[in-house]
């Protein structure tokens, strides 16, 4: 008889394999990755096939997944470079209160227990999916895009505070005050914490165990948080924000944590969300459909209403931006279930509602036509010269590693093309190179003092099809587009080509 621990090896292996296959299969239909993984869990779990039953091992890894996903959310999603004005705060409050009231009233009509804590993940906006959607429609760097993102951040933080307060029923006032103080301290003193950690790492000379030390801090802080009644995953969210400035000059460190989180923990976490769904009954379907209608209508209304406050001309865009789901909200929902705040039926209709709304929202945003933007008719036979792009950073041989690290952080790329002073490409510098160099040496070390990968190049007269074939055959992430003299005109990244060729 195989024990549960050994059986979990098979379960986890199948979860990762099937969820990734389904993720790739549904990507062409604009289904968000996390929804595909949840669907794989629903199929494999008690809701349909009943092949995998959630056990202690899967739940433990899922808890770790929540913790690391929220840590990265704190480190990457909450980016308030400019102080939002009072209008954005008022607008965000409107977007909190309207969905919250109507969903709460619906639960009260159905006489559902724990309505307060169940309402929070359903009513909140998730900044992670919104940030990705804004980037895909080329709005992430615009004034309108920043306004939409700031609203989402503020509403998400408010809902997190509400969740912590509602989950601590015996000391709700203490929880609200304590959480508010923690958030204010983090946003006010985040840079100071980062500098202290840099000093500690330098004194320890522990470059080779840097990732291990960060992971240990996440886990230890999580333990004490749970011990004193503050959820470990939520504490990881705030901890991630503390490390934000530390990661700015160390993109290779967060890249390694990303690899661990998104390659291993994320599929297990989102699959577990699906595995926890019980057999779907007509009652669950009815409540899910009702919640979908309430979420969308209240989000539309509050977004449309608040657009006047923030002076956004396109009110419908503001409405749809608030429907972004599938980030911290799903984490809070699973936390609620595993902590015993809600039952499996309540959890099931909530997960289905969030998943459907998460599918609807990005489909609209991707198809959204921005005023003044013309979509280029891209074909495989289109010359690379049509992709001419001057918005890239030139990395010369004598560029310091500190400058390159900032580019990696700003552009969200993992490789850059290095050129000499005649702009002839001489190699590719990878973010992985930074791992083996002490961050204190970044300023004094130049790119050409490190290892450079060979660079592949194509003439500007070559076609997009030529670039795709080279990328596929050699598994490249970037190609140099050059002129007849061999000088770099611009880099072409694999992810950009894939996005261009999407229907």
Protein backbone atom coordinates (compact mmCIF):
# COMPACT_ATOMS: atom_id res chain seq x y z
CA UNK A 1 0.00 0.00 0.00
CA UNK A 2 1.54 3.33 -1.09
CA UNK A 3 1.43 5.94 1.63
CA UNK A 4 0.00 9.43 1.04
CA UNK A 5 3.40 11.13 0.95
CA UNK A 6 4.70 8.94 -1.89
CA UNK A 7 1.34 9.21 -3.68
CA UNK A 8 1.69 13.00 -3.49
CA UNK A 9 4.77 12.75 -5.74
CA UNK A 10 2.53 11.39 -8.50
CA UNK A 11 -0.23 13.92 -7.79
CA UNK A 12 2.10 16.93 -7.82
CA UNK A 13 3.87 15.75 -10.96
CA UNK A 14 0.54 15.31 -12.76
CA UNK A 15 -0.75 18.67 -11.50
CA UNK A 16 2.27 20.54 -12.89
CA UNK A 17 2.26 18.61 -16.20
CA UNK A 18 -1.47 18.81 -16.95
CA UNK A 19 -1.87 22.41 -15.77
CA UNK A 20 0.94 23.59 -18.06
CA UNK A 21 -0.44 21.64 -21.04
CA UNK A 22 -3.88 23.14 -20.47
CA UNK A 23 -2.39 26.60 -19.95
CA UNK A 24 -0.67 26.48 -23.35
CA UNK A 25 -3.75 25.00 -25.05
CA UNK A 26 -6.16 27.69 -23.78
CA UNK A 27 -3.79 30.63 -24.21
CA UNK A 28 -4.90 31.17 -27.83
CA UNK A 29 -8.50 31.65 -26.59
CA UNK A 30 -7.41 34.49 -24.26
CA UNK A 31 -7.96 32.37 -21.16
CA UNK A 32 -5.69 33.71 -18.37
CA UNK A 33 -2.99 31.27 -17.27
CA UNK A 34 -4.25 31.01 -13.68
CA UNK A 35 -7.79 30.14 -14.88
CA UNK A 36 -6.41 27.31 -17.03
CA UNK A 37 -4.58 25.90 -14.01
CA UNK A 38 -7.70 26.18 -11.83
CA UNK A 39 -9.67 24.34 -14.53
CA UNK A 40 -7.08 21.53 -14.49
CA UNK A 41 -7.58 21.24 -10.72
CA UNK A 42 -11.38 21.18 -11.11
CA UNK A 43 -11.11 18.42 -13.74
CA UNK A 44 -8.69 16.30 -11.70
CA UNK A 45 -10.39 16.89 -8.35
CA UNK A 46 -13.65 15.90 -6.63
CA UNK A 47 -15.73 18.25 -8.82
CA UNK A 48 -15.37 16.05 -11.94
CA UNK A 49 -12.94 13.09 -12.19
CA UNK A 50 -12.20 12.73 -8.46
CA UNK A 51 -8.73 11.43 -9.42
CA UNK A 52 -6.76 13.65 -7.04
CA UNK A 53 -8.01 14.30 -3.53
CA UNK A 54 -6.34 17.26 -1.76
CA UNK A 55 -4.18 15.97 1.08
CA UNK A 56 -1.86 17.43 3.69
CA UNK A 57 1.17 17.49 1.36
CA UNK A 58 -0.66 19.33 -1.43
CA UNK A 59 -2.22 21.77 1.04
CA UNK A 60 1.20 22.47 2.58
CA UNK A 61 2.81 23.19 -0.80
CA UNK A 62 -0.21 25.29 -1.72
CA UNK A 63 0.25 27.34 1.46
CA UNK A 64 3.88 27.89 0.50
CA UNK A 65 2.64 28.86 -2.96
CA UNK A 66 0.29 31.51 -1.56
CA UNK A 67 3.12 32.90 0.54
CA UNK A 68 5.63 33.20 -2.31
CA UNK A 69 3.06 34.48 -4.84
CA UNK A 70 2.01 37.24 -2.44
CA UNK A 71 5.65 38.03 -1.65
CA UNK A 72 6.27 38.64 -5.37
CA UNK A 73 3.02 40.62 -5.57
CA UNK A 74 4.36 42.96 -2.89
CA UNK A 75 7.76 43.20 -4.57
CA UNK A 76 6.50 43.73 -8.12
CA UNK A 77 2.90 44.97 -8.25
CA UNK A 78 2.75 47.86 -5.80
CA UNK A 79 4.65 50.59 -7.65
CA UNK A 80 3.64 54.07 -6.53
CA UNK A 81 6.35 56.23 -8.09
CA UNK A 82 4.20 59.33 -7.83
CA UNK A 83 1.87 60.25 -4.98
CA UNK A 84 -1.75 59.75 -6.06
CA UNK A 85 -3.99 62.78 -5.49
CA UNK A 86 -7.07 62.97 -3.28
CA UNK A 87 -9.37 62.39 -6.26
CA UNK A 88 -7.86 58.94 -6.84
CA UNK A 89 -8.35 58.05 -3.17
CA UNK A 90 -12.02 59.11 -3.27
CA UNK A 91 -12.51 57.26 -6.56
CA UNK A 92 -10.94 54.12 -5.06
CA UNK A 93 -13.23 54.34 -2.03
CA UNK A 94 -16.27 54.43 -4.35
CA UNK A 95 -14.95 51.33 -6.12
CA UNK A 96 -14.63 49.58 -2.77
CA UNK A 97 -17.94 50.50 -1.18
CA UNK A 98 -20.38 49.87 -4.08
CA UNK A 99 -19.38 46.23 -4.94
CA UNK A 100 -18.95 45.48 -1.22
CA UNK A 101 -22.48 46.60 -0.31
CA UNK A 102 -24.28 44.81 -3.15
CA UNK A 103 -22.41 41.49 -2.78
CA UNK A 104 -22.94 41.63 0.98
CA UNK A 105 -26.68 42.25 0.50
CA UNK A 106 -26.88 39.28 -1.88
CA UNK A 107 -25.26 37.00 0.71
CA UNK A 108 -27.55 38.31 3.43
CA UNK A 109 -30.61 37.55 1.27
CA UNK A 110 -29.34 33.98 0.85
CA UNK A 111 -28.60 33.85 4.61
CA UNK A 112 -24.97 32.84 3.98
CA UNK A 113 -22.73 32.79 7.03
CA UNK A 114 -19.37 34.58 7.07
CA UNK A 115 -20.70 36.98 4.43
CA UNK A 116 -18.22 39.71 5.38
CA UNK A 117 -15.05 37.71 4.85
CA UNK A 118 -16.46 36.03 1.71
CA UNK A 119 -17.34 39.38 0.14
CA UNK A 120 -13.79 40.78 0.24
CA UNK A 121 -12.09 38.60 -2.44
CA UNK A 122 -15.17 38.80 -4.67
CA UNK A 123 -15.43 42.60 -4.53
CA UNK A 124 -11.75 43.48 -4.80
CA UNK A 125 -9.75 44.44 -7.87
CA UNK A 126 -6.47 42.59 -8.53
CA UNK A 127 -3.53 44.72 -9.62
CA UNK A 128 -1.42 41.89 -11.11
CA UNK A 129 -3.86 40.94 -13.92
CA UNK A 130 -4.64 44.64 -14.53
CA UNK A 131 -0.94 45.49 -14.91
CA UNK A 132 -0.51 42.72 -17.50
CA UNK A 133 -3.63 43.79 -19.41
CA UNK A 134 -2.55 47.46 -19.49
CA UNK A 135 0.86 46.41 -20.79
CA UNK A 136 -0.73 44.35 -23.59
CA UNK A 137 -2.76 47.33 -24.84
CA UNK A 138 0.26 49.67 -24.57
CA UNK A 139 -1.19 51.74 -21.72
CA UNK A 140 1.21 50.85 -18.90
CA UNK A 141 3.36 53.96 -19.48
CA UNK A 142 0.52 56.42 -20.15
CA UNK A 143 -1.05 58.86 -17.71
CA UNK A 144 -4.42 57.10 -18.02
CA UNK A 145 -2.82 53.72 -17.39
CA UNK A 146 -1.05 54.98 -14.26
CA UNK A 147 -4.32 56.41 -12.96
CA UNK A 148 -6.10 53.09 -13.47
CA UNK A 149 -3.25 51.20 -11.80
CA UNK A 150 -3.13 53.56 -8.79
CA UNK A 151 -6.84 53.08 -8.20
CA UNK A 152 -6.43 49.31 -8.31
CA UNK A 153 -3.52 49.40 -5.83
CA UNK A 154 -5.43 51.54 -3.34
CA UNK A 155 -8.61 49.43 -3.59
CA UNK A 156 -6.59 46.21 -3.19
CA UNK A 157 -4.86 47.54 -0.08
CA UNK A 158 -8.19 48.64 1.42
CA UNK A 159 -9.66 45.19 0.80
CA UNK A 160 -6.61 43.51 2.37
CA UNK A 161 -7.08 45.64 5.49
CA UNK A 162 -10.78 44.70 5.53
CA UNK A 163 -9.95 41.00 5.14
CA UNK A 164 -7.55 41.07 8.08
CA UNK A 165 -10.10 42.93 10.19
CA UNK A 166 -13.00 40.61 9.30
CA UNK A 167 -10.88 37.49 9.90
CA UNK A 168 -10.01 38.67 13.43
CA UNK A 169 -13.58 38.90 14.71
CA UNK A 170 -12.64 38.76 18.38
CA UNK A 171 -10.33 41.79 18.07
CA UNK A 172 -11.52 43.51 14.92
CA UNK A 173 -10.66 47.08 16.01
CA UNK A 174 -7.18 46.02 17.11
CA UNK A 175 -6.64 44.22 13.80
CA UNK A 176 -7.72 47.27 11.75
CA UNK A 177 -5.48 49.63 13.70
CA UNK A 178 -2.51 47.27 13.75
CA UNK A 179 -2.70 46.51 10.03
CA UNK A 180 -3.08 50.18 9.14
CA UNK A 181 0.02 51.04 11.19
CA UNK A 182 2.00 48.25 9.48
CA UNK A 183 0.98 49.44 5.99
CA UNK A 184 1.80 53.08 6.76
CA UNK A 185 5.19 52.07 8.20
CA UNK A 186 6.00 49.95 5.14
CA UNK A 187 5.15 52.68 2.63
CA UNK A 188 6.92 55.34 4.69
CA UNK A 189 10.06 53.42 5.65
CA UNK A 190 10.39 50.77 2.92
CA UNK A 191 13.64 52.21 1.54
CA UNK A 192 15.20 52.27 5.02
CA UNK A 193 14.49 48.55 5.54
CA UNK A 194 16.04 47.80 2.15
CA UNK A 195 19.24 49.71 3.00
CA UNK A 196 19.56 47.90 6.33
CA UNK A 197 19.30 44.51 4.59
CA UNK A 198 21.95 45.59 2.05
CA UNK A 199 24.32 46.45 4.91
CA UNK A 200 23.68 43.11 6.61
CA UNK A 201 24.35 41.17 3.41
CA UNK A 202 27.57 43.09 2.85
CA UNK A 203 28.79 42.38 6.40
CA UNK A 204 27.97 38.69 6.08
CA UNK A 205 29.61 38.43 2.63
CA UNK A 206 26.82 35.99 1.88
CA UNK A 207 26.26 36.57 -1.81
CA UNK A 208 26.06 32.84 -2.56
CA UNK A 209 23.28 32.28 -0.01
CA UNK A 210 21.34 35.48 -0.68
CA UNK A 211 18.25 33.78 -2.12
CA UNK A 212 18.29 31.17 0.66
CA UNK A 213 18.45 33.92 3.29
CA UNK A 214 15.49 35.80 1.75
CA UNK A 215 13.44 32.58 1.61
CA UNK A 216 14.26 31.82 5.24
CA UNK A 217 13.14 35.32 6.27
CA UNK A 218 9.82 34.84 4.42
CA UNK A 219 9.20 31.54 6.21
CA UNK A 220 10.29 32.70 9.69
CA UNK A 221 8.25 35.91 9.47
CA UNK A 222 5.32 33.79 8.25
CA UNK A 223 5.61 31.53 11.31
CA UNK A 224 5.57 34.39 13.80
CA UNK A 225 2.77 36.11 11.89
CA UNK A 226 0.55 33.05 12.16
CA UNK A 227 1.58 32.49 15.76
CA UNK A 228 0.39 35.96 16.72
CA UNK A 229 -2.82 35.78 14.68
CA UNK A 230 -1.64 37.58 11.53
CA UNK A 231 -1.84 35.47 8.36
CA UNK A 232 1.53 34.29 6.98
CA UNK A 233 0.61 34.93 3.34
CA UNK A 234 -0.53 38.50 4.04
CA UNK A 235 2.66 39.19 5.98
CA UNK A 236 4.62 37.96 2.93
CA UNK A 237 2.77 40.52 0.79
CA UNK A 238 3.99 43.35 3.02
CA UNK A 239 7.45 41.78 3.30
CA UNK A 240 7.70 41.77 -0.49
CA UNK A 241 7.10 45.51 -0.55
CA UNK A 242 9.94 45.98 1.97
CA UNK A 243 12.30 44.21 -0.43
CA UNK A 244 11.17 46.24 -3.47
CA UNK A 245 14.09 48.69 -3.39
CA UNK A 246 16.54 45.89 -2.61
CA UNK A 247 15.49 44.03 -5.77
CA UNK A 248 15.77 47.09 -8.03
CA UNK A 249 19.55 46.68 -8.32
CA UNK A 250 19.42 42.88 -8.05
CA UNK A 251 17.12 41.64 -10.83
CA UNK A 252 18.94 38.31 -10.88
CA UNK A 253 17.81 37.58 -7.30
CA UNK A 254 14.14 38.19 -7.93
CA UNK A 255 14.49 36.25 -11.20
CA UNK A 256 15.53 33.18 -9.23
CA UNK A 257 12.63 33.60 -6.79
CA UNK A 258 10.30 34.03 -9.79
CA UNK A 259 11.58 30.78 -11.28
CA UNK A 260 10.89 28.88 -8.05
CA UNK A 261 7.49 30.50 -7.57
CA UNK A 262 6.04 30.48 -11.09
CA UNK A 263 7.66 27.23 -12.19
CA UNK A 264 6.74 25.12 -9.15
CA UNK A 265 4.57 26.80 -6.51
CA UNK A 266 2.16 28.69 -8.80
CA UNK A 267 0.75 25.64 -10.65
CA UNK A 268 0.34 23.76 -7.38
CA UNK A 269 -1.37 26.72 -5.71
CA UNK A 270 -3.85 27.47 -8.51
CA UNK A 271 -4.47 23.76 -9.16
CA UNK A 272 -5.25 23.34 -5.46
CA UNK A 273 -7.80 26.14 -5.82
CA UNK A 274 -9.55 23.93 -8.39
CA UNK A 275 -9.03 20.73 -6.38
CA UNK A 276 -10.89 22.23 -3.42
CA UNK A 277 -14.01 22.82 -5.54
CA UNK A 278 -16.75 20.35 -4.61
CA UNK A 279 -19.11 18.61 -7.05
CA UNK A 280 -20.85 21.37 -8.98
CA UNK A 281 -24.59 21.46 -8.26
CA UNK A 282 -27.37 23.62 -9.76
CA UNK A 283 -27.30 25.71 -6.56
CA UNK A 284 -23.57 26.43 -6.95
CA UNK A 285 -24.09 27.34 -10.62
CA UNK A 286 -26.99 29.68 -9.76
CA UNK A 287 -25.05 31.50 -7.04
CA UNK A 288 -21.94 31.74 -9.26
CA UNK A 289 -23.90 33.24 -12.16
CA UNK A 290 -25.61 35.68 -9.80
CA UNK A 291 -22.26 36.74 -8.36
CA UNK A 292 -20.79 37.21 -11.85
CA UNK A 293 -23.68 39.53 -12.74
CA UNK A 294 -23.35 41.48 -9.47
CA UNK A 295 -19.55 41.79 -9.71
CA UNK A 296 -19.59 43.02 -13.30
CA UNK A 297 -22.54 45.40 -12.88
CA UNK A 298 -21.27 46.98 -9.66
CA UNK A 299 -17.73 47.27 -11.02
CA UNK A 300 -19.04 48.90 -14.20
CA UNK A 301 -21.22 51.30 -12.27
CA UNK A 302 -18.59 52.30 -9.70
CA UNK A 303 -15.90 52.66 -12.40
CA UNK A 304 -18.18 54.74 -14.63
CA UNK A 305 -19.24 56.92 -11.70
CA UNK A 306 -15.71 57.48 -10.37
CA UNK A 307 -14.29 58.29 -13.83
CA UNK A 308 -15.67 61.81 -13.45
CA UNK A 309 -13.68 62.32 -10.26
CA UNK A 310 -10.35 61.37 -11.81
CA UNK A 311 -11.20 63.25 -15.02
CA UNK A 312 -10.88 60.20 -17.24
CA UNK A 313 -12.60 60.79 -20.57
CA UNK A 314 -13.17 57.12 -21.34
CA UNK A 315 -15.48 56.09 -18.52
CA UNK A 316 -16.02 52.56 -19.84
CA UNK A 317 -12.30 51.85 -19.81
CA UNK A 318 -12.23 52.80 -16.14
CA UNK A 319 -15.19 50.49 -15.54
CA UNK A 320 -13.57 47.47 -17.19
CA UNK A 321 -10.22 48.08 -15.52
CA UNK A 322 -11.87 47.54 -12.14
CA UNK A 323 -13.07 44.06 -13.13
CA UNK A 324 -9.51 42.64 -13.19
CA UNK A 325 -9.48 39.43 -11.14
CA UNK A 326 -7.17 36.54 -10.41
CA UNK A 327 -4.38 37.69 -8.12
CA UNK A 328 -4.49 38.41 -4.41
CA UNK A 329 -8.26 37.76 -4.41
CA UNK A 330 -7.85 34.04 -5.17
CA UNK A 331 -5.14 33.81 -2.50
CA UNK A 332 -7.46 35.31 0.12
CA UNK A 333 -10.21 32.92 -0.92
CA UNK A 334 -8.02 29.84 -0.39
CA UNK A 335 -6.72 31.30 2.89
CA UNK A 336 -10.35 31.67 4.00
CA UNK A 337 -11.09 28.02 3.21
CA UNK A 338 -7.94 26.53 4.75
CA UNK A 339 -8.38 28.69 7.85
CA UNK A 340 -11.94 27.45 8.31
CA UNK A 341 -13.62 30.83 7.76
CA UNK A 342 -15.81 29.52 4.89
CA UNK A 343 -17.05 26.08 3.82
CA UNK A 344 -16.37 24.19 0.58
CA UNK A 345 -19.66 25.15 -1.08
CA UNK A 346 -19.13 28.87 -0.39
CA UNK A 347 -15.59 28.53 -1.65
CA UNK A 348 -16.69 26.70 -4.82
CA UNK A 349 -19.24 29.22 -6.09
CA UNK A 350 -16.80 32.06 -5.30
CA UNK A 351 -13.94 30.45 -7.24
CA UNK A 352 -16.15 29.84 -10.28
CA UNK A 353 -17.37 33.47 -10.20
CA UNK A 354 -13.83 34.89 -10.01
CA UNK A 355 -12.60 32.57 -12.78
CA UNK A 356 -15.37 33.60 -15.22
CA UNK A 357 -14.93 37.32 -14.49
CA UNK A 358 -11.17 36.87 -14.96
CA UNK A 359 -11.80 35.47 -18.44
CA UNK A 360 -14.22 38.22 -19.47
CA UNK A 361 -12.14 41.20 -18.33
CA UNK A 362 -8.86 40.70 -20.26
CA UNK A 363 -10.69 39.65 -23.43
CA UNK A 364 -12.32 43.07 -23.54
CA UNK A 365 -9.16 44.96 -22.59
CA UNK A 366 -7.10 43.21 -25.28
CA UNK A 367 -9.67 44.07 -27.91
CA UNK A 368 -10.03 47.62 -26.61
CA UNK A 369 -9.19 50.19 -29.30
CA UNK A 370 -7.09 53.04 -27.95
CA UNK A 371 -7.78 56.38 -29.60
CA UNK A 372 -5.07 57.20 -32.14
CA UNK A 373 -3.56 53.71 -32.17
CA UNK A 374 -3.46 51.79 -35.44
CA UNK A 375 -2.82 48.06 -35.40
CA UNK A 376 -0.08 47.14 -37.91
CA UNK A 377 -0.95 44.33 -40.28
CA UNK A 378 1.82 41.89 -39.37
CA UNK A 379 2.63 38.88 -41.54
CA UNK A 380 5.54 36.42 -41.61
CA UNK A 381 6.70 38.05 -44.85
CA UNK A 382 6.79 41.53 -43.28
CA UNK A 383 10.36 42.97 -43.28
CA UNK A 384 11.98 43.48 -39.88
CA UNK A 385 12.51 47.14 -40.83
CA UNK A 386 8.76 47.69 -40.23
CA UNK A 387 9.35 46.95 -36.53
CA UNK A 388 11.83 49.84 -36.20
CA UNK A 389 12.02 50.78 -32.53
CA UNK A 390 14.13 53.51 -30.97
CA UNK A 391 12.85 52.89 -27.45
CA UNK A 392 15.67 50.68 -26.22
CA UNK A 393 18.74 51.18 -24.06
CA UNK A 394 22.12 50.93 -25.79
CA UNK A 395 24.52 48.80 -23.76
CA UNK A 396 28.12 49.62 -24.63
CA UNK A 397 31.08 47.48 -23.71
CA UNK A 398 32.04 49.89 -20.91
CA UNK A 399 28.54 50.18 -19.40
CA UNK A 400 28.61 49.48 -15.65
CA UNK A 401 26.72 46.52 -14.22
CA UNK A 402 24.74 48.85 -11.97
CA UNK A 403 23.29 50.57 -15.04
CA UNK A 404 22.52 47.24 -16.69
CA UNK A 405 20.79 46.02 -13.51
CA UNK A 406 18.51 49.07 -13.60
CA UNK A 407 17.64 48.35 -17.24
CA UNK A 408 16.73 44.74 -16.41
CA UNK A 409 14.48 45.95 -13.59
CA UNK A 410 12.86 48.70 -15.67
CA UNK A 411 12.29 46.74 -18.89
CA UNK A 412 11.40 43.33 -17.40
CA UNK A 413 13.84 41.53 -19.72
CA UNK A 414 16.49 38.92 -18.97
CA UNK A 415 19.02 39.57 -21.77
CA UNK A 416 20.45 42.64 -23.51
CA UNK A 417 22.61 43.07 -26.62
CA UNK A 418 26.03 44.63 -26.02
CA UNK A 419 27.69 46.78 -28.72
CA UNK A 420 31.05 48.49 -29.18
CA UNK A 421 31.31 52.23 -29.77
CA UNK A 422 30.69 51.71 -33.50
CA UNK A 423 27.36 50.08 -32.46
CA UNK A 424 28.48 46.68 -33.79
CA UNK A 425 26.88 43.88 -31.68
CA UNK A 426 29.56 41.93 -29.81
CA UNK A 427 27.53 39.69 -27.47
CA UNK A 428 24.58 39.20 -25.14
CA UNK A 429 24.68 39.93 -21.42
CA UNK A 430 22.26 37.84 -19.34
CA UNK A 431 20.70 38.66 -15.98
CA UNK A 432 22.12 35.33 -14.76
CA UNK A 433 25.62 36.85 -15.01
CA UNK A 434 24.80 39.13 -12.09
CA UNK A 435 24.28 36.22 -9.71
CA UNK A 436 27.99 35.50 -9.35
CA UNK A 437 29.10 39.10 -8.80
CA UNK A 438 28.86 40.97 -5.50
CA UNK A 439 26.40 43.84 -5.84
CA UNK A 440 28.98 46.17 -4.27
CA UNK A 441 31.14 45.59 -7.36
CA UNK A 442 28.41 46.51 -9.85
CA UNK A 443 29.49 50.13 -10.08
CA UNK A 444 33.15 49.34 -10.77
CA UNK A 445 32.58 46.37 -13.10
CA UNK A 446 31.83 46.89 -16.80
CA UNK A 447 29.88 44.54 -19.04
CA UNK A 448 32.87 43.40 -21.08
CA UNK A 449 34.66 42.25 -17.91
CA UNK A 450 32.05 39.48 -17.70
CA UNK A 451 31.00 36.55 -19.87
CA UNK A 452 29.01 37.46 -23.00
CA UNK A 453 26.96 34.96 -25.00
CA UNK A 454 27.29 34.97 -28.80
CA UNK A 455 24.76 37.27 -30.48
CA UNK A 456 22.63 36.28 -33.47
CA UNK A 457 21.82 38.99 -36.01
CA UNK A 458 19.60 39.51 -39.05
CA UNK A 459 19.57 42.29 -41.64
CA UNK A 460 16.73 44.77 -41.49
CA UNK A 461 15.64 43.46 -44.92
CA UNK A 462 15.04 39.96 -43.51
CA UNK A 463 11.46 39.01 -42.63
CA UNK A 464 9.64 38.37 -39.37
CA UNK A 465 9.39 34.74 -40.47
CA UNK A 466 13.21 34.56 -40.67
CA UNK A 467 13.44 35.94 -37.13
CA UNK A 468 10.90 33.47 -35.77
CA UNK A 469 12.67 30.50 -37.38
CA UNK A 470 16.03 31.57 -35.94
CA UNK A 471 14.47 32.10 -32.50
CA UNK A 472 12.80 28.69 -32.63
CA UNK A 473 15.78 26.73 -33.98
CA UNK A 474 18.31 28.24 -31.54
CA UNK A 475 15.93 28.88 -28.61
CA UNK A 476 16.83 32.59 -28.49
CA UNK A 477 15.16 35.33 -26.47
CA UNK A 478 16.56 38.27 -28.50
CA UNK A 479 17.99 38.93 -31.98
CA UNK A 480 19.98 41.94 -33.19
CA UNK A 481 18.56 43.68 -36.26
CA UNK A 482 21.48 45.28 -38.13
CA UNK A 483 22.08 47.45 -41.20
CA UNK A 484 24.37 46.64 -44.16
CA UNK A 485 27.38 47.89 -42.18
CA UNK A 486 26.67 45.51 -39.32
CA UNK A 487 25.51 48.23 -36.90
CA UNK A 488 22.69 47.59 -34.46
CA UNK A 489 19.42 49.20 -35.51
CA UNK A 490 17.29 47.71 -32.73
CA UNK A 491 16.80 44.46 -30.79
CA UNK A 492 13.82 42.16 -31.39
CA UNK A 493 12.63 40.07 -28.45
CA UNK A 494 10.83 36.76 -28.80
CA UNK A 495 7.96 37.82 -26.53
CA UNK A 496 7.34 40.96 -28.64
CA UNK A 497 7.15 38.94 -31.86
CA UNK A 498 4.70 36.50 -30.31
CA UNK A 499 2.49 39.38 -29.09
CA UNK A 500 2.56 41.03 -32.53
CA UNK A 501 1.43 37.89 -34.30
CA UNK A 502 -1.47 37.22 -31.96
CA UNK A 503 -4.88 37.67 -33.62
